[in-house]
Amino acid sequence: MFQNIKRGWEIGKATRKLVFQEKNLMIYPIISGIAVLAEILAIFIPSLLLIGTSLQYYYILPLFLFYFVVTFTATYILMAMFIAFRSVTAGNKITMSQAFSQVKPYTKLVIEWSLFYSVIIMIIRLIESRMRGISGIILGAVLSMAIGFATIFVVPVILDEKLTPIKAMKRSASFIIKNFGKSFGGLLYTDLYSLAIVLIGIVIGLVGIFVSTNTYVTISLLLVGGIILFIGIIINYLLSNVFKLIVYDFINHSKVPKGFSKEILSNAAKNKISHNNFMQPPSN
């Protein structure tokens, strides 16, 4: 297990080098940044506000619609980014409009996934609203972690296999279980790398609040800290998702991105799943 984590870490480092060479990919997480941040707020903030209270039924529909819109937007943009990345690493770079046009055939599947995911999140919120104190917090955290774990590879699965939500989540969960070590190692690297950037932004902001005595300096430091924090979030979104796609494509399709070391992938991951069980990724 430790060896797999170490190898996954190496894939994470190689992913960072590759992504930073293709800076055009940054535009996708920047576009999706607001939606992703909104999704995080939508998932966690309500759980804190509703602990120990009953969720009023007239809030359910607006909240559900909010979850759906944010999930749909984030998933749609992420698919476009995956298509663009595959085209770049295949030596056939496409424009952003071309990437989004290739996502259009998946619109129905993205809608189905967004509805399914939103229902799950709503159920978790409703359960939390009926519980009080630490038990509600723990249950919400456990359920959120379980859903997050099971859906790590959902978007690549939908993109390749065009599966319905439940089947896609089952396939994603199966994939992460079989390849947990290398997946954990790579995601650990991407998370720690971006966390270091986020912490720099936080520290600069805290200096502005608690150390600076000049209003203009304080505002400037808060602005700089906020920008750095946002960059850290964007980098995490980009690195973690590209890492997932690289591992997924290599294990299922033996694909090695252009400029990527095949040796690193070969040492960390073996093709355990027959290619006949998977659709080949759409040509870009």
Protein backbone atom coordinates (compact mmCIF):
# COMPACT_ATOMS: atom_id res chain seq x y z
CA MET A 1 0.00 0.00 0.00
CA PHE A 2 2.75 2.45 0.98
CA GLN A 3 4.58 1.73 -2.27
CA ASN A 4 1.42 2.43 -4.26
CA ILE A 5 0.91 5.71 -2.39
CA LYS A 6 4.51 6.69 -3.15
CA ARG A 7 4.04 5.89 -6.84
CA GLY A 8 0.77 7.79 -6.89
CA TRP A 9 2.65 10.74 -5.39
CA GLU A 10 5.10 10.56 -8.31
CA ILE A 11 2.21 10.65 -10.79
CA GLY A 12 0.90 13.72 -8.97
CA LYS A 13 4.24 15.49 -9.36
CA ALA A 14 4.41 14.57 -13.04
CA THR A 15 0.84 15.83 -13.50
CA ARG A 16 1.79 19.20 -12.03
CA LYS A 17 4.69 19.58 -14.47
CA LEU A 18 2.52 18.61 -17.42
CA VAL A 19 -0.39 20.87 -16.47
CA PHE A 20 1.84 23.89 -15.93
CA GLN A 21 3.17 23.42 -19.47
CA GLU A 22 -0.41 23.70 -20.78
CA LYS A 23 -1.51 26.91 -19.10
CA ASN A 24 -4.49 27.28 -21.44
CA LEU A 25 -6.23 24.61 -19.38
CA MET A 26 -6.38 27.10 -16.51
CA ILE A 27 -9.29 28.86 -18.18
CA TYR A 28 -11.63 25.94 -17.42
CA PRO A 29 -11.23 25.95 -13.64
CA ILE A 30 -11.31 29.75 -13.67
CA ILE A 31 -14.68 29.65 -15.45
CA SER A 32 -15.85 26.92 -13.11
CA GLY A 33 -14.33 28.54 -10.02
CA ILE A 34 -17.42 30.44 -8.92
CA ALA A 35 -19.64 27.40 -9.47
CA VAL A 36 -17.28 25.10 -7.56
CA LEU A 37 -17.02 27.51 -4.64
CA ALA A 38 -20.80 27.85 -4.65
CA GLU A 39 -21.14 24.08 -4.58
CA ILE A 40 -18.83 23.80 -1.58
CA LEU A 41 -20.83 26.46 0.23
CA ALA A 42 -24.08 24.79 -0.75
CA ILE A 43 -22.97 21.45 0.67
CA PHE A 44 -21.34 22.52 3.93
CA ILE A 45 -22.81 25.85 5.05
CA PRO A 46 -26.43 24.65 5.18
CA SER A 47 -25.40 21.66 7.29
CA LEU A 48 -23.91 24.01 9.90
CA LEU A 49 -26.93 26.29 9.88
CA LEU A 50 -29.48 23.49 10.09
CA ILE A 51 -27.94 21.46 12.90
CA GLY A 52 -30.50 21.26 15.69
CA THR A 53 -33.32 22.69 13.58
CA SER A 54 -35.96 21.34 11.23
CA LEU A 55 -35.58 22.15 7.56
CA GLN A 56 -38.61 24.19 6.53
CA TYR A 57 -40.33 22.51 3.63
CA TYR A 58 -40.69 25.70 1.61
CA TYR A 59 -36.90 25.91 1.42
CA ILE A 60 -36.52 22.46 -0.12
CA LEU A 61 -37.33 23.28 -3.75
CA PRO A 62 -35.12 26.42 -4.04
CA LEU A 63 -32.26 24.60 -2.32
CA PHE A 64 -32.65 21.58 -4.57
CA LEU A 65 -32.68 23.77 -7.68
CA PHE A 66 -29.53 25.50 -6.45
CA TYR A 67 -27.74 22.17 -5.97
CA PHE A 68 -28.85 21.03 -9.40
CA VAL A 69 -27.72 24.18 -11.25
CA VAL A 70 -24.31 24.26 -9.58
CA THR A 71 -23.70 20.52 -10.06
CA PHE A 72 -24.75 20.69 -13.70
CA THR A 73 -22.49 23.69 -14.38
CA ALA A 74 -19.46 22.18 -12.64
CA THR A 75 -19.88 18.78 -14.34
CA TYR A 76 -20.43 20.26 -17.79
CA ILE A 77 -17.32 22.46 -17.58
CA LEU A 78 -15.25 19.61 -16.16
CA MET A 79 -16.20 17.39 -19.11
CA ALA A 80 -15.11 20.13 -21.50
CA MET A 81 -11.79 20.40 -19.67
CA PHE A 82 -11.25 16.62 -19.90
CA ILE A 83 -11.95 16.67 -23.63
CA ALA A 84 -9.59 19.62 -24.10
CA PHE A 85 -6.85 17.90 -22.07
CA ARG A 86 -7.16 14.70 -24.07
CA SER A 87 -6.89 16.65 -27.30
CA VAL A 88 -3.83 18.55 -26.07
CA THR A 89 -1.99 15.42 -24.95
CA ALA A 90 -2.89 13.68 -28.21
CA GLY A 91 -1.21 16.49 -30.12
CA ASN A 92 -4.49 17.79 -31.55
CA LYS A 93 -5.26 20.94 -29.57
CA ILE A 94 -8.83 22.21 -29.87
CA THR A 95 -10.47 25.51 -28.96
CA MET A 96 -12.70 26.01 -25.95
CA SER A 97 -15.79 26.29 -28.14
CA GLN A 98 -14.90 22.98 -29.79
CA ALA A 99 -14.49 21.34 -26.38
CA PHE A 100 -17.88 22.57 -25.23
CA SER A 101 -19.50 21.52 -28.49
CA GLN A 102 -18.25 17.96 -27.86
CA VAL A 103 -19.94 17.98 -24.46
CA LYS A 104 -23.38 18.73 -25.96
CA PRO A 105 -24.17 15.05 -26.73
CA TYR A 106 -23.69 14.35 -23.01
CA THR A 107 -26.18 17.00 -21.86
CA LYS A 108 -28.90 14.47 -20.99
CA LEU A 109 -26.46 12.36 -18.98
CA VAL A 110 -25.15 15.45 -17.15
CA ILE A 111 -28.73 16.45 -16.31
CA GLU A 112 -29.47 12.96 -14.99
CA TRP A 113 -26.29 12.94 -12.92
CA SER A 114 -27.00 16.42 -11.53
CA LEU A 115 -30.53 15.41 -10.52
CA PHE A 116 -29.29 12.21 -8.89
CA TYR A 117 -26.46 13.93 -7.03
CA SER A 118 -28.75 16.75 -5.90
CA VAL A 119 -31.27 14.26 -4.50
CA ILE A 120 -28.52 12.54 -2.51
CA ILE A 121 -27.26 15.84 -1.10
CA MET A 122 -30.81 16.90 -0.23
CA ILE A 123 -31.39 13.63 1.63
CA ILE A 124 -28.19 14.20 3.62
CA ARG A 125 -29.28 17.76 4.44
CA LEU A 126 -32.73 16.56 5.53
CA ILE A 127 -31.21 13.89 7.78
CA GLU A 128 -28.86 16.46 9.33
CA SER A 129 -31.73 18.88 9.91
CA ARG A 130 -33.47 16.26 12.06
CA MET A 131 -30.45 15.64 14.26
CA ARG A 132 -28.84 17.80 16.90
CA GLY A 133 -25.35 18.48 18.17
CA ILE A 134 -22.23 16.54 17.38
CA SER A 135 -24.10 13.49 16.09
CA GLY A 136 -25.53 15.50 13.18
CA ILE A 137 -22.13 16.95 12.34
CA ILE A 138 -20.47 13.52 12.40
CA LEU A 139 -23.19 11.88 10.35
CA GLY A 140 -23.12 14.67 7.77
CA ALA A 141 -19.33 14.44 7.50
CA VAL A 142 -19.37 10.65 7.13
CA LEU A 143 -22.10 10.69 4.49
CA SER A 144 -20.42 13.53 2.56
CA MET A 145 -17.07 11.70 2.62
CA ALA A 146 -18.72 8.48 1.44
CA ILE A 147 -20.42 10.25 -1.48
CA GLY A 148 -17.21 12.11 -2.34
CA PHE A 149 -15.24 8.85 -2.26
CA ALA A 150 -17.74 7.00 -4.47
CA THR A 151 -17.94 9.76 -7.08
CA ILE A 152 -14.25 10.56 -7.57
CA PHE A 153 -14.14 9.03 -11.07
CA VAL A 154 -17.79 9.56 -12.05
CA VAL A 155 -17.13 12.19 -14.73
CA PRO A 156 -14.52 10.14 -16.66
CA VAL A 157 -16.85 7.12 -16.42
CA ILE A 158 -19.81 9.06 -17.82
CA LEU A 159 -17.61 10.58 -20.50
CA ASP A 160 -16.38 7.18 -21.71
CA GLU A 161 -19.24 4.81 -20.97
CA LYS A 162 -22.32 7.05 -21.06
CA LEU A 163 -23.73 5.28 -18.01
CA THR A 164 -26.74 6.26 -15.95
CA PRO A 165 -26.00 7.87 -12.54
CA ILE A 166 -26.26 4.78 -10.32
CA LYS A 167 -24.19 2.63 -12.69
CA ALA A 168 -21.64 5.41 -13.09
CA MET A 169 -21.28 5.78 -9.33
CA LYS A 170 -20.90 2.03 -8.89
CA ARG A 171 -18.21 1.90 -11.58
CA SER A 172 -16.46 4.90 -10.04
CA ALA A 173 -16.53 3.33 -6.57
CA SER A 174 -15.21 0.05 -7.98
CA PHE A 175 -12.39 1.87 -9.75
CA ILE A 176 -11.29 3.84 -6.68
CA ILE A 177 -11.38 0.72 -4.47
CA LYS A 178 -9.21 -1.27 -6.89
CA ASN A 179 -6.75 1.60 -7.33
CA PHE A 180 -6.96 3.25 -3.92
CA GLY A 181 -3.22 3.43 -3.15
CA LYS A 182 -2.08 5.25 -6.26
CA SER A 183 -5.21 7.41 -6.33
CA PHE A 184 -4.73 8.42 -2.70
CA GLY A 185 -1.04 9.16 -3.19
CA GLY A 186 -1.60 11.39 -6.21
CA LEU A 187 -4.53 13.25 -4.69
CA LEU A 188 -2.52 13.71 -1.50
CA TYR A 189 0.23 15.39 -3.50
CA THR A 190 -2.14 17.69 -5.39
CA ASP A 191 -3.97 18.61 -2.19
CA LEU A 192 -0.80 19.37 -0.23
CA TYR A 193 0.72 21.34 -3.10
CA SER A 194 -2.34 23.55 -3.48
CA LEU A 195 -2.80 23.74 0.30
CA ALA A 196 0.64 25.32 0.61
CA ILE A 197 -0.47 28.06 -1.80
CA VAL A 198 -3.77 28.52 0.02
CA LEU A 199 -1.98 28.82 3.37
CA ILE A 200 0.29 31.53 1.97
CA GLY A 201 -2.80 33.49 0.98
CA ILE A 202 -4.36 32.97 4.41
CA VAL A 203 -1.20 34.05 6.21
CA ILE A 204 -0.95 37.23 4.13
CA GLY A 205 -4.59 37.99 4.89
CA LEU A 206 -4.08 37.40 8.62
CA VAL A 207 -1.05 39.70 8.61
CA GLY A 208 -3.24 42.37 7.08
CA ILE A 209 -5.91 41.91 9.77
CA PHE A 210 -3.84 41.46 12.92
CA VAL A 211 -0.45 43.05 12.21
CA SER A 212 -0.94 45.98 9.86
CA THR A 213 -2.11 49.24 11.42
CA ASN A 214 -2.58 51.04 8.13
CA THR A 215 -6.02 50.69 6.52
CA TYR A 216 -4.70 50.80 2.96
CA VAL A 217 -2.01 48.23 3.72
CA THR A 218 -4.59 46.00 5.38
CA ILE A 219 -6.89 46.17 2.37
CA SER A 220 -3.98 45.52 0.00
CA LEU A 221 -2.82 42.50 1.99
CA LEU A 222 -6.35 41.12 2.14
CA LEU A 223 -6.69 41.55 -1.61
CA VAL A 224 -3.33 39.88 -2.34
CA GLY A 225 -4.08 37.08 0.13
CA GLY A 226 -7.49 36.52 -1.44
CA ILE A 227 -6.04 36.32 -4.94
CA ILE A 228 -3.38 33.81 -3.84
CA LEU A 229 -6.00 31.75 -2.01
CA PHE A 230 -8.18 31.70 -5.14
CA ILE A 231 -5.21 30.63 -7.26
CA GLY A 232 -4.54 27.78 -4.82
CA ILE A 233 -8.14 26.59 -5.14
CA ILE A 234 -8.00 26.76 -8.93
CA ILE A 235 -4.71 24.83 -9.02
CA ASN A 236 -6.16 22.15 -6.76
CA TYR A 237 -9.21 21.80 -9.00
CA LEU A 238 -7.06 21.50 -12.11
CA LEU A 239 -4.35 19.19 -10.76
CA SER A 240 -6.66 16.80 -8.93
CA ASN A 241 -9.04 16.37 -11.86
CA VAL A 242 -6.32 15.99 -14.49
CA PHE A 243 -4.58 13.47 -12.24
CA LYS A 244 -7.78 11.41 -12.03
CA LEU A 245 -8.17 11.44 -15.80
CA ILE A 246 -4.54 10.42 -16.41
CA VAL A 247 -4.78 7.45 -14.04
CA TYR A 248 -8.19 6.47 -15.39
CA ASP A 249 -7.09 6.64 -19.04
CA PHE A 250 -3.91 4.66 -18.45
CA ILE A 251 -5.56 1.85 -16.50
CA ASN A 252 -8.55 1.52 -18.83
CA HIS A 253 -7.11 2.52 -22.20
CA SER A 254 -3.29 2.27 -21.84
CA LYS A 255 -3.15 5.94 -22.79
CA VAL A 256 0.00 7.89 -21.92
CA PRO A 257 -0.31 11.68 -22.30
CA LYS A 258 2.11 13.36 -24.65
CA GLY A 259 5.16 14.47 -22.69
CA PHE A 260 4.28 12.16 -19.78
CA SER A 261 6.61 9.45 -18.55
CA LYS A 262 5.25 6.00 -19.37
CA GLU A 263 7.62 4.49 -16.83
CA ILE A 264 5.99 6.40 -13.97
CA LEU A 265 2.54 5.18 -14.98
CA SER A 266 3.69 1.62 -15.62
CA ASN A 267 5.29 1.40 -12.19
CA ALA A 268 2.21 2.74 -10.45
CA ALA A 269 -0.69 1.24 -12.36
CA LYS A 270 -1.42 -1.92 -14.28
CA ASN A 271 -4.17 -2.46 -16.81
CA LYS A 272 -6.39 -4.69 -14.71
CA ILE A 273 -9.66 -4.01 -16.53
CA SER A 274 -10.26 -5.34 -20.02
CA HIS A 275 -10.54 -2.64 -22.65
CA ASN A 276 -13.55 -4.46 -24.05
CA ASN A 277 -15.54 -3.34 -21.02
CA PHE A 278 -14.96 0.30 -21.80
CA MET A 279 -15.77 2.55 -24.70
CA GLN A 280 -12.79 4.22 -26.21
CA PRO A 281 -12.70 7.95 -25.37
CA PRO A 282 -14.22 10.22 -28.00
CA SER A 283 -11.73 11.39 -30.58
CA ASN A 284 -10.81 15.01 -30.31
